[in-house]
């Protein structure tokens, strides 16, 4: 039985180490696995993560083999007891690995800023918008100052460099209106 546990520890540990090195070097893609949804007594989700993955299975076999081998080496007379404790240790390890990967996925972000994210934001005209023409506006979106092509909401208006504007629409370019005009509309509505 010691040989079985030792074999599981060596193979599982080796594959776990190899898989970890591949992932760190960018060669190992996403570790897709079996989704696990944990809900409370009312059916509300408590946790949602992938429990059974290749990485989780290699960690399971590594810990299963290591704990089982060490228990038999420390004069545990029952192979059943060693196997049971090793199984529990393997499942706990697999659960911990799944939680670590789930937490690490939350840390990633693509960082893409879409023009639609600027709607409602206050910006400053960077390049004068002449009537019926396109200019440029600086807007802070997701804590980044960006420059977008823009046109005036009122196509007969000219908005000069340095004026404050509010973004009201976003399509191929931003549509802005001067804050002076925006404030006048709000006063009229009240």
C-alpha atoms as a PDB file:
ATOM      1  CA  UNK A   1       0.000   0.000   0.000  1.00  0.00           C
ATOM      2  CA  UNK A   2       2.968   2.318   0.671  1.00  0.00           C
ATOM      3  CA  UNK A   3       4.003   1.945  -2.974  1.00  0.00           C
ATOM      4  CA  UNK A   4       0.538   3.014  -4.174  1.00  0.00           C
ATOM      5  CA  UNK A   5       0.575   6.111  -1.964  1.00  0.00           C
ATOM      6  CA  UNK A   6       4.170   6.927  -2.939  1.00  0.00           C
ATOM      7  CA  UNK A   7       3.347   6.503  -6.639  1.00  0.00           C
ATOM      8  CA  UNK A   8       0.341   8.833  -6.334  1.00  0.00           C
ATOM      9  CA  UNK A   9       2.483  11.418  -4.515  1.00  0.00           C
ATOM     10  CA  UNK A  10       5.281  11.310  -7.111  1.00  0.00           C
ATOM     11  CA  UNK A  11       3.040  11.335 -10.194  1.00  0.00           C
ATOM     12  CA  UNK A  12       0.561  13.847  -8.758  1.00  0.00           C
ATOM     13  CA  UNK A  13       3.311  16.116  -7.407  1.00  0.00           C
ATOM     14  CA  UNK A  14       5.296  15.957 -10.644  1.00  0.00           C
ATOM     15  CA  UNK A  15       2.270  16.762 -12.802  1.00  0.00           C
ATOM     16  CA  UNK A  16       1.188  19.522 -10.401  1.00  0.00           C
ATOM     17  CA  UNK A  17       4.652  21.093 -10.549  1.00  0.00           C
ATOM     18  CA  UNK A  18       4.812  20.728 -14.343  1.00  0.00           C
ATOM     19  CA  UNK A  19       1.321  22.219 -14.768  1.00  0.00           C
ATOM     20  CA  UNK A  20       2.193  25.111 -12.435  1.00  0.00           C
ATOM     21  CA  UNK A  21       5.381  25.896 -14.342  1.00  0.00           C
ATOM     22  CA  UNK A  22       3.508  25.768 -17.647  1.00  0.00           C
ATOM     23  CA  UNK A  23       0.852  28.160 -16.361  1.00  0.00           C
ATOM     24  CA  UNK A  24       3.466  30.580 -15.010  1.00  0.00           C
ATOM     25  CA  UNK A  25       5.292  30.569 -18.338  1.00  0.00           C
ATOM     26  CA  UNK A  26       2.062  31.151 -20.278  1.00  0.00           C
ATOM     27  CA  UNK A  27       1.929  27.707 -21.905  1.00  0.00           C
ATOM     28  CA  UNK A  28      -0.985  26.377 -19.879  1.00  0.00           C
ATOM     29  CA  UNK A  29      -4.327  27.851 -20.870  1.00  0.00           C
ATOM     30  CA  UNK A  30      -7.444  28.109 -18.777  1.00  0.00           C
ATOM     31  CA  UNK A  31      -8.033  25.111 -16.567  1.00  0.00           C
ATOM     32  CA  UNK A  32     -11.652  24.410 -17.475  1.00  0.00           C
ATOM     33  CA  UNK A  33     -13.375  21.995 -15.193  1.00  0.00           C
ATOM     34  CA  UNK A  34     -16.609  21.006 -13.519  1.00  0.00           C
ATOM     35  CA  UNK A  35     -18.608  23.974 -12.215  1.00  0.00           C
ATOM     36  CA  UNK A  36     -19.615  23.799  -8.571  1.00  0.00           C
ATOM     37  CA  UNK A  37     -22.463  25.998  -7.374  1.00  0.00           C
ATOM     38  CA  UNK A  38     -22.917  26.173  -3.596  1.00  0.00           C
ATOM     39  CA  UNK A  39     -26.251  27.602  -2.424  1.00  0.00           C
ATOM     40  CA  UNK A  40     -27.795  28.350   0.945  1.00  0.00           C
ATOM     41  CA  UNK A  41     -31.102  26.899   2.208  1.00  0.00           C
ATOM     42  CA  UNK A  42     -33.075  29.487   0.177  1.00  0.00           C
ATOM     43  CA  UNK A  43     -31.274  28.673  -3.086  1.00  0.00           C
ATOM     44  CA  UNK A  44     -29.177  31.861  -3.115  1.00  0.00           C
ATOM     45  CA  UNK A  45     -25.653  31.322  -4.480  1.00  0.00           C
ATOM     46  CA  UNK A  46     -22.856  31.291  -1.898  1.00  0.00           C
ATOM     47  CA  UNK A  47     -20.007  30.157  -4.146  1.00  0.00           C
ATOM     48  CA  UNK A  48     -19.525  29.462  -7.826  1.00  0.00           C
ATOM     49  CA  UNK A  49     -16.198  28.026  -8.941  1.00  0.00           C
ATOM     50  CA  UNK A  50     -14.600  25.153 -10.815  1.00  0.00           C
ATOM     51  CA  UNK A  51     -13.805  22.359  -8.343  1.00  0.00           C
ATOM     52  CA  UNK A  52     -12.648  19.477 -10.533  1.00  0.00           C
ATOM     53  CA  UNK A  53      -9.866  20.719 -12.819  1.00  0.00           C
ATOM     54  CA  UNK A  54      -6.646  19.178 -14.082  1.00  0.00           C
ATOM     55  CA  UNK A  55      -4.708  21.274 -11.596  1.00  0.00           C
ATOM     56  CA  UNK A  56      -7.075  20.260  -8.791  1.00  0.00           C
ATOM     57  CA  UNK A  57      -6.811  16.563  -9.647  1.00  0.00           C
ATOM     58  CA  UNK A  58      -3.013  16.618  -9.688  1.00  0.00           C
ATOM     59  CA  UNK A  59      -3.049  18.421  -6.317  1.00  0.00           C
ATOM     60  CA  UNK A  60      -5.498  15.820  -4.988  1.00  0.00           C
ATOM     61  CA  UNK A  61      -3.282  12.875  -5.999  1.00  0.00           C
ATOM     62  CA  UNK A  62      -0.169  14.595  -4.685  1.00  0.00           C
ATOM     63  CA  UNK A  63      -1.686  15.245  -1.241  1.00  0.00           C
ATOM     64  CA  UNK A  64      -3.539  11.913  -1.169  1.00  0.00           C
ATOM     65  CA  UNK A  65      -0.318  10.012  -1.827  1.00  0.00           C
ATOM     66  CA  UNK A  66       1.831  12.122   0.496  1.00  0.00           C
ATOM     67  CA  UNK A  67      -0.531  11.929   3.496  1.00  0.00           C
ATOM     68  CA  UNK A  68      -1.266   8.237   2.974  1.00  0.00           C
ATOM     69  CA  UNK A  69       2.440   7.373   2.650  1.00  0.00           C
ATOM     70  CA  UNK A  70       3.384   9.382   5.746  1.00  0.00           C
ATOM     71  CA  UNK A  71       0.583   7.840   7.817  1.00  0.00           C
ATOM     72  CA  UNK A  72       1.685   4.305   6.919  1.00  0.00           C
ATOM     73  CA  UNK A  73       5.327   5.221   7.647  1.00  0.00           C
ATOM     74  CA  UNK A  74       4.327   6.499  11.102  1.00  0.00           C
ATOM     75  CA  UNK A  75       3.096   3.068  12.185  1.00  0.00           C
ATOM     76  CA  UNK A  76      -0.576   3.509  11.328  1.00  0.00           C
ATOM     77  CA  UNK A  77      -1.756  -0.093  11.393  1.00  0.00           C
ATOM     78  CA  UNK A  78      -4.922   0.441   9.372  1.00  0.00           C
ATOM     79  CA  UNK A  79      -4.623   1.025   5.627  1.00  0.00           C
ATOM     80  CA  UNK A  80      -8.300   2.044   5.711  1.00  0.00           C
ATOM     81  CA  UNK A  81      -7.583   4.829   8.196  1.00  0.00           C
ATOM     82  CA  UNK A  82      -4.593   6.015   6.174  1.00  0.00           C
ATOM     83  CA  UNK A  83      -6.660   5.917   2.965  1.00  0.00           C
ATOM     84  CA  UNK A  84      -9.585   7.790   4.557  1.00  0.00           C
ATOM     85  CA  UNK A  85      -7.406  10.548   5.988  1.00  0.00           C
ATOM     86  CA  UNK A  86      -5.493  10.758   2.691  1.00  0.00           C
ATOM     87  CA  UNK A  87      -8.798  11.136   0.773  1.00  0.00           C
ATOM     88  CA  UNK A  88      -9.917  13.932   3.099  1.00  0.00           C
ATOM     89  CA  UNK A  89      -6.552  15.682   2.725  1.00  0.00           C
ATOM     90  CA  UNK A  90      -6.780  15.330  -1.063  1.00  0.00           C
ATOM     91  CA  UNK A  91     -10.288  16.793  -1.230  1.00  0.00           C
ATOM     92  CA  UNK A  92      -9.338  19.676   1.067  1.00  0.00           C
ATOM     93  CA  UNK A  93      -6.324  20.421  -1.147  1.00  0.00           C
ATOM     94  CA  UNK A  94      -8.463  20.265  -4.282  1.00  0.00           C
ATOM     95  CA  UNK A  95     -10.975  22.664  -2.685  1.00  0.00           C
ATOM     96  CA  UNK A  96      -8.212  25.100  -1.649  1.00  0.00           C
ATOM     97  CA  UNK A  97      -6.674  25.040  -5.160  1.00  0.00           C
ATOM     98  CA  UNK A  98     -10.119  25.713  -6.682  1.00  0.00           C
ATOM     99  CA  UNK A  99     -10.655  28.688  -4.349  1.00  0.00           C
ATOM    100  CA  UNK A 100      -7.197  30.090  -5.169  1.00  0.00           C
ATOM    101  CA  UNK A 101      -7.854  29.900  -8.918  1.00  0.00           C
ATOM    102  CA  UNK A 102     -11.328  31.376  -8.470  1.00  0.00           C
ATOM    103  CA  UNK A 103      -9.869  34.312  -6.513  1.00  0.00           C
ATOM    104  CA  UNK A 104      -7.117  34.833  -9.097  1.00  0.00           C
ATOM    105  CA  UNK A 105      -9.683  35.077 -11.921  1.00  0.00           C
ATOM    106  CA  UNK A 106     -11.294  38.012 -10.142  1.00  0.00           C
ATOM    107  CA  UNK A 107      -7.978  39.884 -10.291  1.00  0.00           C
ATOM    108  CA  UNK A 108      -7.829  39.911 -14.080  1.00  0.00           C
ATOM    109  CA  UNK A 109      -9.143  42.736 -16.216  1.00  0.00           C
ATOM    110  CA  UNK A 110      -8.876  43.382 -19.920  1.00  0.00           C
ATOM    111  CA  UNK A 111      -8.542  47.141 -19.369  1.00  0.00           C
ATOM    112  CA  UNK A 112     -10.530  47.984 -22.479  1.00  0.00           C
ATOM    113  CA  UNK A 113     -12.187  51.390 -22.374  1.00  0.00           C
ATOM    114  CA  UNK A 114     -15.279  51.709 -24.512  1.00  0.00           C
ATOM    115  CA  UNK A 115     -16.647  55.081 -25.632  1.00  0.00           C
ATOM    116  CA  UNK A 116     -20.013  54.180 -24.071  1.00  0.00           C
ATOM    117  CA  UNK A 117     -18.260  54.188 -20.667  1.00  0.00           C
ATOM    118  CA  UNK A 118     -17.890  57.968 -21.055  1.00  0.00           C
ATOM    119  CA  UNK A 119     -21.633  58.732 -21.181  1.00  0.00           C
ATOM    120  CA  UNK A 120     -22.541  61.116 -18.370  1.00  0.00           C
ATOM    121  CA  UNK A 121     -18.909  62.065 -17.688  1.00  0.00           C
ATOM    122  CA  UNK A 122     -17.623  65.632 -17.612  1.00  0.00           C
ATOM    123  CA  UNK A 123     -14.790  66.401 -20.001  1.00  0.00           C
ATOM    124  CA  UNK A 124     -12.824  69.277 -21.506  1.00  0.00           C
ATOM    125  CA  UNK A 125     -12.679  70.210 -25.164  1.00  0.00           C
ATOM    126  CA  UNK A 126      -9.186  69.435 -26.446  1.00  0.00           C
ATOM    127  CA  UNK A 127      -9.704  70.570 -30.041  1.00  0.00           C
ATOM    128  CA  UNK A 128     -12.458  73.085 -30.861  1.00  0.00           C
ATOM    129  CA  UNK A 129     -15.678  71.603 -32.208  1.00  0.00           C
ATOM    130  CA  UNK A 130     -16.892  73.849 -35.016  1.00  0.00           C
ATOM    131  CA  UNK A 131     -20.557  73.786 -36.162  1.00  0.00           C
ATOM    132  CA  UNK A 132     -21.265  70.525 -37.973  1.00  0.00           C
ATOM    133  CA  UNK A 133     -17.660  69.330 -37.605  1.00  0.00           C
ATOM    134  CA  UNK A 134     -15.691  66.970 -35.426  1.00  0.00           C
ATOM    135  CA  UNK A 135     -13.330  68.027 -32.641  1.00  0.00           C
ATOM    136  CA  UNK A 136     -11.709  66.250 -29.721  1.00  0.00           C
ATOM    137  CA  UNK A 137     -12.624  65.955 -26.058  1.00  0.00           C
ATOM    138  CA  UNK A 138     -10.638  64.776 -23.003  1.00  0.00           C
ATOM    139  CA  UNK A 139     -12.667  62.594 -20.659  1.00  0.00           C
ATOM    140  CA  UNK A 140     -11.648  60.587 -17.613  1.00  0.00           C
ATOM    141  CA  UNK A 141     -13.011  57.057 -18.000  1.00  0.00           C
ATOM    142  CA  UNK A 142     -12.149  54.289 -15.516  1.00  0.00           C
ATOM    143  CA  UNK A 143      -9.493  56.496 -13.907  1.00  0.00           C
ATOM    144  CA  UNK A 144      -7.754  57.080 -17.253  1.00  0.00           C
ATOM    145  CA  UNK A 145      -7.705  60.351 -19.160  1.00  0.00           C
ATOM    146  CA  UNK A 146      -8.627  59.601 -22.771  1.00  0.00           C
ATOM    147  CA  UNK A 147      -9.045  61.751 -25.875  1.00  0.00           C
ATOM    148  CA  UNK A 148     -12.010  60.926 -28.116  1.00  0.00           C
ATOM    149  CA  UNK A 149     -13.374  62.351 -31.353  1.00  0.00           C
ATOM    150  CA  UNK A 150     -16.485  64.361 -30.540  1.00  0.00           C
ATOM    151  CA  UNK A 151     -19.210  66.431 -32.100  1.00  0.00           C
ATOM    152  CA  UNK A 152     -21.653  68.864 -30.536  1.00  0.00           C
ATOM    153  CA  UNK A 153     -25.169  67.721 -29.651  1.00  0.00           C
ATOM    154  CA  UNK A 154     -26.401  71.007 -31.107  1.00  0.00           C
ATOM    155  CA  UNK A 155     -24.801  70.868 -34.560  1.00  0.00           C
ATOM    156  CA  UNK A 156     -25.024  74.654 -34.941  1.00  0.00           C
ATOM    157  CA  UNK A 157     -22.994  75.274 -31.784  1.00  0.00           C
ATOM    158  CA  UNK A 158     -19.263  75.881 -31.531  1.00  0.00           C
ATOM    159  CA  UNK A 159     -17.525  74.598 -28.421  1.00  0.00           C
ATOM    160  CA  UNK A 160     -14.076  76.050 -27.930  1.00  0.00           C
ATOM    161  CA  UNK A 161     -10.910  74.475 -26.561  1.00  0.00           C
ATOM    162  CA  UNK A 162     -10.902  74.424 -22.755  1.00  0.00           C
ATOM    163  CA  UNK A 163     -14.693  74.486 -22.282  1.00  0.00           C
ATOM    164  CA  UNK A 164     -16.256  71.917 -19.977  1.00  0.00           C
ATOM    165  CA  UNK A 165     -18.735  69.530 -21.549  1.00  0.00           C
ATOM    166  CA  UNK A 166     -20.872  66.553 -20.600  1.00  0.00           C
ATOM    167  CA  UNK A 167     -20.933  63.423 -22.760  1.00  0.00           C
ATOM    168  CA  UNK A 168     -24.540  62.699 -23.753  1.00  0.00           C
ATOM    169  CA  UNK A 169     -24.147  59.970 -26.400  1.00  0.00           C
ATOM    170  CA  UNK A 170     -21.548  57.593 -27.744  1.00  0.00           C
ATOM    171  CA  UNK A 171     -21.485  55.798 -31.082  1.00  0.00           C
ATOM    172  CA  UNK A 172     -18.669  56.138 -33.616  1.00  0.00           C
ATOM    173  CA  UNK A 173     -17.693  59.250 -31.663  1.00  0.00           C
ATOM    174  CA  UNK A 174     -18.824  61.032 -28.534  1.00  0.00           C
ATOM    175  CA  UNK A 175     -21.646  63.538 -28.643  1.00  0.00           C
ATOM    176  CA  UNK A 176     -21.151  66.322 -26.104  1.00  0.00           C
ATOM    177  CA  UNK A 177     -22.952  69.396 -24.938  1.00  0.00           C
ATOM    178  CA  UNK A 178     -21.528  72.414 -23.229  1.00  0.00           C
ATOM    179  CA  UNK A 179     -22.098  72.475 -19.480  1.00  0.00           C
ATOM    180  CA  UNK A 180     -23.573  75.958 -19.857  1.00  0.00           C
ATOM    181  CA  UNK A 181     -26.237  74.555 -22.211  1.00  0.00           C
ATOM    182  CA  UNK A 182     -26.707  71.507 -19.980  1.00  0.00           C
ATOM    183  CA  UNK A 183     -27.267  73.699 -16.909  1.00  0.00           C
ATOM    184  CA  UNK A 184     -29.766  75.861 -18.849  1.00  0.00           C
ATOM    185  CA  UNK A 185     -31.774  72.726 -19.834  1.00  0.00           C
ATOM    186  CA  UNK A 186     -31.851  71.559 -16.216  1.00  0.00           C
ATOM    187  CA  UNK A 187     -33.092  74.942 -14.998  1.00  0.00           C
ATOM    188  CA  UNK A 188     -35.833  74.978 -17.647  1.00  0.00           C
ATOM    189  CA  UNK A 189     -36.968  71.465 -16.662  1.00  0.00           C
ATOM    190  CA  UNK A 190     -37.236  72.481 -13.002  1.00  0.00           C
END
